[in-house]
C-alpha atoms as a PDB file:
ATOM      1  CA  MET A   1     -45.585 -28.102  -0.148  1.00  0.00           C
ATOM      2  CA  GLY A   2     -44.252 -27.010   3.262  1.00  0.00           C
ATOM      3  CA  GLU A   3     -40.956 -27.780   4.856  1.00  0.00           C
ATOM      4  CA  THR A   4     -40.485 -31.481   5.645  1.00  0.00           C
ATOM      5  CA  PHE A   5     -38.778 -33.247   8.504  1.00  0.00           C
ATOM      6  CA  ILE A   6     -35.753 -33.884   6.252  1.00  0.00           C
ATOM      7  CA  ASP A   7     -35.668 -30.179   5.277  1.00  0.00           C
ATOM      8  CA  ARG A   8     -35.546 -29.255   8.966  1.00  0.00           C
ATOM      9  CA  LEU A   9     -32.933 -31.930   9.649  1.00  0.00           C
ATOM     10  CA  ASP A  10     -30.861 -30.453   6.811  1.00  0.00           C
ATOM     11  CA  ARG A  11     -31.196 -26.985   8.367  1.00  0.00           C
ATOM     12  CA  TYR A  12     -30.038 -28.328  11.735  1.00  0.00           C
ATOM     13  CA  LYS A  13     -27.249 -30.274  10.034  1.00  0.00           C
ATOM     14  CA  GLU A  14     -25.988 -27.075   8.401  1.00  0.00           C
ATOM     15  CA  TYR A  15     -26.283 -25.148  11.687  1.00  0.00           C
ATOM     16  CA  ALA A  16     -24.311 -27.832  13.545  1.00  0.00           C
ATOM     17  CA  GLY A  17     -21.716 -28.251  10.771  1.00  0.00           C
ATOM     18  CA  LEU A  18     -22.607 -31.898  10.191  1.00  0.00           C
ATOM     19  CA  ASN A  19     -23.137 -34.107   7.172  1.00  0.00           C
ATOM     20  CA  ASP A  20     -25.450 -37.096   6.634  1.00  0.00           C
ATOM     21  CA  ASN A  21     -22.679 -39.579   7.383  1.00  0.00           C
ATOM     22  CA  GLN A  22     -21.775 -37.951  10.706  1.00  0.00           C
ATOM     23  CA  ILE A  23     -25.423 -37.997  11.804  1.00  0.00           C
ATOM     24  CA  THR A  24     -25.815 -41.600  10.631  1.00  0.00           C
ATOM     25  CA  VAL A  25     -22.725 -42.815  12.501  1.00  0.00           C
ATOM     26  CA  ARG A  26     -23.303 -40.837  15.719  1.00  0.00           C
ATOM     27  CA  CYS A  27     -26.965 -41.884  15.911  1.00  0.00           C
ATOM     28  CA  GLY A  28     -26.479 -45.501  14.855  1.00  0.00           C
ATOM     29  CA  LEU A  29     -28.712 -45.174  11.792  1.00  0.00           C
ATOM     30  CA  THR A  30     -28.633 -47.361   8.694  1.00  0.00           C
ATOM     31  CA  VAL A  31     -26.144 -46.026   6.147  1.00  0.00           C
ATOM     32  CA  GLY A  32     -27.868 -43.924   3.483  1.00  0.00           C
ATOM     33  CA  ILE A  33     -31.215 -43.734   5.279  1.00  0.00           C
ATOM     34  CA  ILE A  34     -31.274 -39.918   5.424  1.00  0.00           C
ATOM     35  CA  ASN A  35     -30.452 -39.495   1.730  1.00  0.00           C
ATOM     36  CA  SER A  36     -32.942 -42.211   0.818  1.00  0.00           C
ATOM     37  CA  ALA A  37     -35.703 -40.399   2.740  1.00  0.00           C
ATOM     38  CA  ARG A  38     -34.674 -37.125   1.083  1.00  0.00           C
ATOM     39  CA  LYS A  39     -34.983 -38.694  -2.400  1.00  0.00           C
ATOM     40  CA  ARG A  40     -38.365 -40.252  -1.568  1.00  0.00           C
ATOM     41  CA  GLY A  41     -39.609 -37.030  -0.023  1.00  0.00           C
ATOM     42  CA  SER A  42     -40.462 -38.919   3.165  1.00  0.00           C
ATOM     43  CA  SER A  43     -39.523 -38.806   6.817  1.00  0.00           C
ATOM     44  CA  LEU A  44     -37.688 -41.248   9.061  1.00  0.00           C
ATOM     45  CA  SER A  45     -39.261 -43.791  11.391  1.00  0.00           C
ATOM     46  CA  GLY A  46     -40.102 -42.772  14.925  1.00  0.00           C
ATOM     47  CA  GLU A  47     -37.307 -45.007  16.195  1.00  0.00           C
ATOM     48  CA  ASN A  48     -34.723 -43.235  14.009  1.00  0.00           C
ATOM     49  CA  ILE A  49     -36.027 -39.800  14.966  1.00  0.00           C
ATOM     50  CA  GLU A  50     -35.738 -40.808  18.625  1.00  0.00           C
ATOM     51  CA  LYS A  51     -32.107 -41.823  18.046  1.00  0.00           C
ATOM     52  CA  ILE A  52     -31.382 -38.411  16.520  1.00  0.00           C
ATOM     53  CA  LEU A  53     -33.051 -36.559  19.405  1.00  0.00           C
ATOM     54  CA  ASN A  54     -31.150 -38.657  21.961  1.00  0.00           C
ATOM     55  CA  VAL A  55     -27.807 -37.666  20.398  1.00  0.00           C
ATOM     56  CA  PHE A  56     -28.472 -34.046  19.440  1.00  0.00           C
ATOM     57  CA  LYS A  57     -29.999 -32.750  22.643  1.00  0.00           C
ATOM     58  CA  ASP A  58     -29.831 -29.071  21.681  1.00  0.00           C
ATOM     59  CA  VAL A  59     -32.319 -29.418  18.817  1.00  0.00           C
ATOM     60  CA  ASN A  60     -35.899 -28.627  19.751  1.00  0.00           C
ATOM     61  CA  ALA A  61     -37.856 -31.865  19.175  1.00  0.00           C
ATOM     62  CA  ARG A  62     -41.096 -29.977  18.535  1.00  0.00           C
ATOM     63  CA  TRP A  63     -39.408 -27.884  15.847  1.00  0.00           C
ATOM     64  CA  LEU A  64     -37.760 -30.902  14.225  1.00  0.00           C
ATOM     65  CA  LEU A  65     -41.043 -32.817  14.088  1.00  0.00           C
ATOM     66  CA  THR A  66     -43.526 -30.042  13.278  1.00  0.00           C
ATOM     67  CA  GLY A  67     -41.577 -26.924  12.346  1.00  0.00           C
ATOM     68  CA  GLU A  68     -43.109 -25.053  15.287  1.00  0.00           C
ATOM     69  CA  GLY A  69     -40.957 -23.073  17.687  1.00  0.00           C
ATOM     70  CA  GLU A  70     -37.243 -22.419  17.542  1.00  0.00           C
ATOM     71  CA  MET A  71     -34.707 -24.825  16.057  1.00  0.00           C
ATOM     72  CA  ILE A  72     -32.487 -24.766  19.141  1.00  0.00           C
ATOM     73  CA  GLN A  73     -33.885 -25.170  22.635  1.00  0.00           C
ATOM     74  CA  ASN A  74     -33.323 -22.070  24.671  1.00  0.00           C
ATOM     75  CA  ASP A  75     -31.296 -22.375  27.851  1.00  0.00           C
ATOM     76  CA  GLU A  76     -34.385 -22.230  30.089  1.00  0.00           C
ATOM     77  CA  VAL A  77     -36.093 -25.157  28.325  1.00  0.00           C
ATOM     78  CA  PHE A  78     -32.836 -27.102  28.198  1.00  0.00           C
ATOM     79  CA  ALA A  79     -32.187 -26.431  31.898  1.00  0.00           C
ATOM     80  CA  ALA A  80     -35.767 -27.380  32.825  1.00  0.00           C
ATOM     81  CA  ASN A  81     -35.437 -30.642  30.909  1.00  0.00           C
ATOM     82  CA  ASN A  82     -32.125 -31.368  32.633  1.00  0.00           C
ATOM     83  CA  ASP A  83     -33.591 -30.483  36.046  1.00  0.00           C
ATOM     84  CA  SER A  84     -36.549 -32.806  35.431  1.00  0.00           C
ATOM     85  CA  LEU A  85     -34.201 -35.603  34.397  1.00  0.00           C
ATOM     86  CA  THR A  86     -31.987 -35.025  37.438  1.00  0.00           C
ATOM     87  CA  LEU A  87     -34.995 -35.133  39.789  1.00  0.00           C
ATOM     88  CA  TYR A  88     -36.285 -38.302  38.122  1.00  0.00           C
ATOM     89  CA  LEU A  89     -32.873 -40.004  38.387  1.00  0.00           C
ATOM     90  CA  ARG A  90     -32.520 -39.000  42.044  1.00  0.00           C
ATOM     91  CA  LYS A  91     -35.944 -40.478  42.796  1.00  0.00           C
ATOM     92  CA  GLU A  92     -35.102 -43.690  40.927  1.00  0.00           C
ATOM     93  CA  ASN A  93     -31.755 -43.908  42.733  1.00  0.00           C
ATOM     94  CA  LYS A  94     -33.440 -43.439  46.122  1.00  0.00           C
ATOM     95  CA  GLU A  95     -36.014 -46.149  45.328  1.00  0.00           C
ATOM     96  CA  LEU A  96     -33.304 -48.568  44.150  1.00  0.00           C
ATOM     97  CA  LYS A  97     -31.223 -47.875  47.249  1.00  0.00           C
ATOM     98  CA  SER A  98     -34.232 -48.599  49.459  1.00  0.00           C
ATOM     99  CA  LYS A  99     -34.972 -51.857  47.599  1.00  0.00           C
ATOM    100  CA  ASN A 100     -31.313 -52.851  47.866  1.00  0.00           C
ATOM    101  CA  GLU A 101     -31.320 -52.261  51.632  1.00  0.00           C
ATOM    102  CA  GLU A 102     -34.521 -54.302  51.964  1.00  0.00           C
ATOM    103  CA  LEU A 103     -33.004 -57.173  49.976  1.00  0.00           C
ATOM    104  CA  ASN A 104     -29.829 -57.065  52.063  1.00  0.00           C
ATOM    105  CA  ARG A 105     -31.932 -57.334  55.246  1.00  0.00           C
ATOM    106  CA  GLU A 106     -33.778 -60.317  53.758  1.00  0.00           C
ATOM    107  CA  ILE A 107     -30.464 -61.953  52.807  1.00  0.00           C
ATOM    108  CA  GLY A 108     -29.241 -61.460  56.394  1.00  0.00           C
ATOM    109  CA  LYS A 109     -32.368 -63.154  57.761  1.00  0.00           C
ATOM    110  CA  LEU A 110     -31.990 -66.070  55.367  1.00  0.00           C
ATOM    111  CA  GLU A 111     -28.317 -66.478  56.261  1.00  0.00           C
ATOM    112  CA  GLY A 112     -29.301 -66.584  59.942  1.00  0.00           C
ATOM    113  CA  GLN A 113     -31.902 -69.251  59.204  1.00  0.00           C
ATOM    114  CA  ILE A 114     -29.323 -71.332  57.332  1.00  0.00           C
ATOM    115  CA  ILE A 115     -26.924 -71.121  60.268  1.00  0.00           C
ATOM    116  CA  GLU A 116     -29.678 -72.252  62.650  1.00  0.00           C
ATOM    117  CA  LEU A 117     -30.618 -75.137  60.367  1.00  0.00           C
ATOM    118  CA  LYS A 118     -26.993 -76.238  60.117  1.00  0.00           C
ATOM    119  CA  LYS A 119     -26.816 -76.426  63.915  1.00  0.00           C
ATOM    120  CA  HIS A 120     -29.635 -78.978  63.928  1.00  0.00           C
ATOM    121  CA  VAL A 121     -28.384 -81.174  61.104  1.00  0.00           C
ATOM    122  CA  HIS A 122     -26.042 -83.924  62.221  1.00  0.00           C
ATOM    123  CA  VAL A 123     -23.426 -85.364  59.956  1.00  0.00           C
ATOM    124  CA  GLU A 124     -24.712 -88.846  60.750  1.00  0.00           C
ATOM    125  CA  ASP A 125     -28.223 -87.882  59.512  1.00  0.00           C
ATOM    126  CA  VAL A 126     -26.769 -86.544  56.278  1.00  0.00           C
ATOM    127  CA  ALA A 127     -24.794 -89.762  55.793  1.00  0.00           C
ATOM    128  CA  LYS A 128     -27.896 -91.894  56.368  1.00  0.00           C
ATOM    129  CA  CYS A 129     -29.784 -89.846  53.776  1.00  0.00           C
ATOM    130  CA  ALA A 130     -26.917 -90.268  51.326  1.00  0.00           C
ATOM    131  CA  ILE A 131     -26.890 -94.047  51.871  1.00  0.00           C
ATOM    132  CA  ALA A 132     -30.671 -94.261  51.508  1.00  0.00           C
ATOM    133  CA  SER A 133     -30.464 -92.382  48.219  1.00  0.00           C
ATOM    134  CA  GLY A 134     -27.824 -94.783  46.930  1.00  0.00           C
ATOM    135  CA  SER A 135     -25.075 -92.191  46.937  1.00  0.00           C
ATOM    136  CA  ASP A 136     -21.536 -93.485  46.967  1.00  0.00           C
ATOM    137  CA  LEU A 137     -20.215 -90.298  48.552  1.00  0.00           C
ATOM    138  CA  VAL A 138     -20.279 -91.855  52.040  1.00  0.00           C
ATOM    139  CA  ASP A 139     -18.006 -94.578  53.343  1.00  0.00           C
ATOM    140  CA  LYS A 140     -20.638 -96.954  54.714  1.00  0.00           C
ATOM    141  CA  SER A 141     -18.151 -98.843  56.857  1.00  0.00           C
ATOM    142  CA  THR A 142     -17.707 -95.840  59.179  1.00  0.00           C
ATOM    143  CA  LEU A 143     -21.359 -95.827  60.229  1.00  0.00           C
END
């Protein structure tokens, strides 16, 4: 039988000077899950593998999953991934900034409309509405 995911994780663990507990804690995995998978001769769930890859960014995901390629991402691949992420985040930031500006303009328009509406509402009209609704917030003797 060929090398398993856990075998490759163990190789990376040794390379990085880590133990199961350190990986478990840093990645937020269930205690004992790595050793349990090792004893069963199985892998981890996709969700747990994703957690590991999100924490240990230098490990080559393709290698960890399939055994193909190099264990550690070379600087060019790592830089390309970082550049792609940076470009994506810049684009997202620009889109959010644009949406925020649009919402602020809309808020300004609505505030202007409220001010205009307040100019046309008379206190006496508000009091009559309050009386008609049965509200006791108005002193009826002043009307």
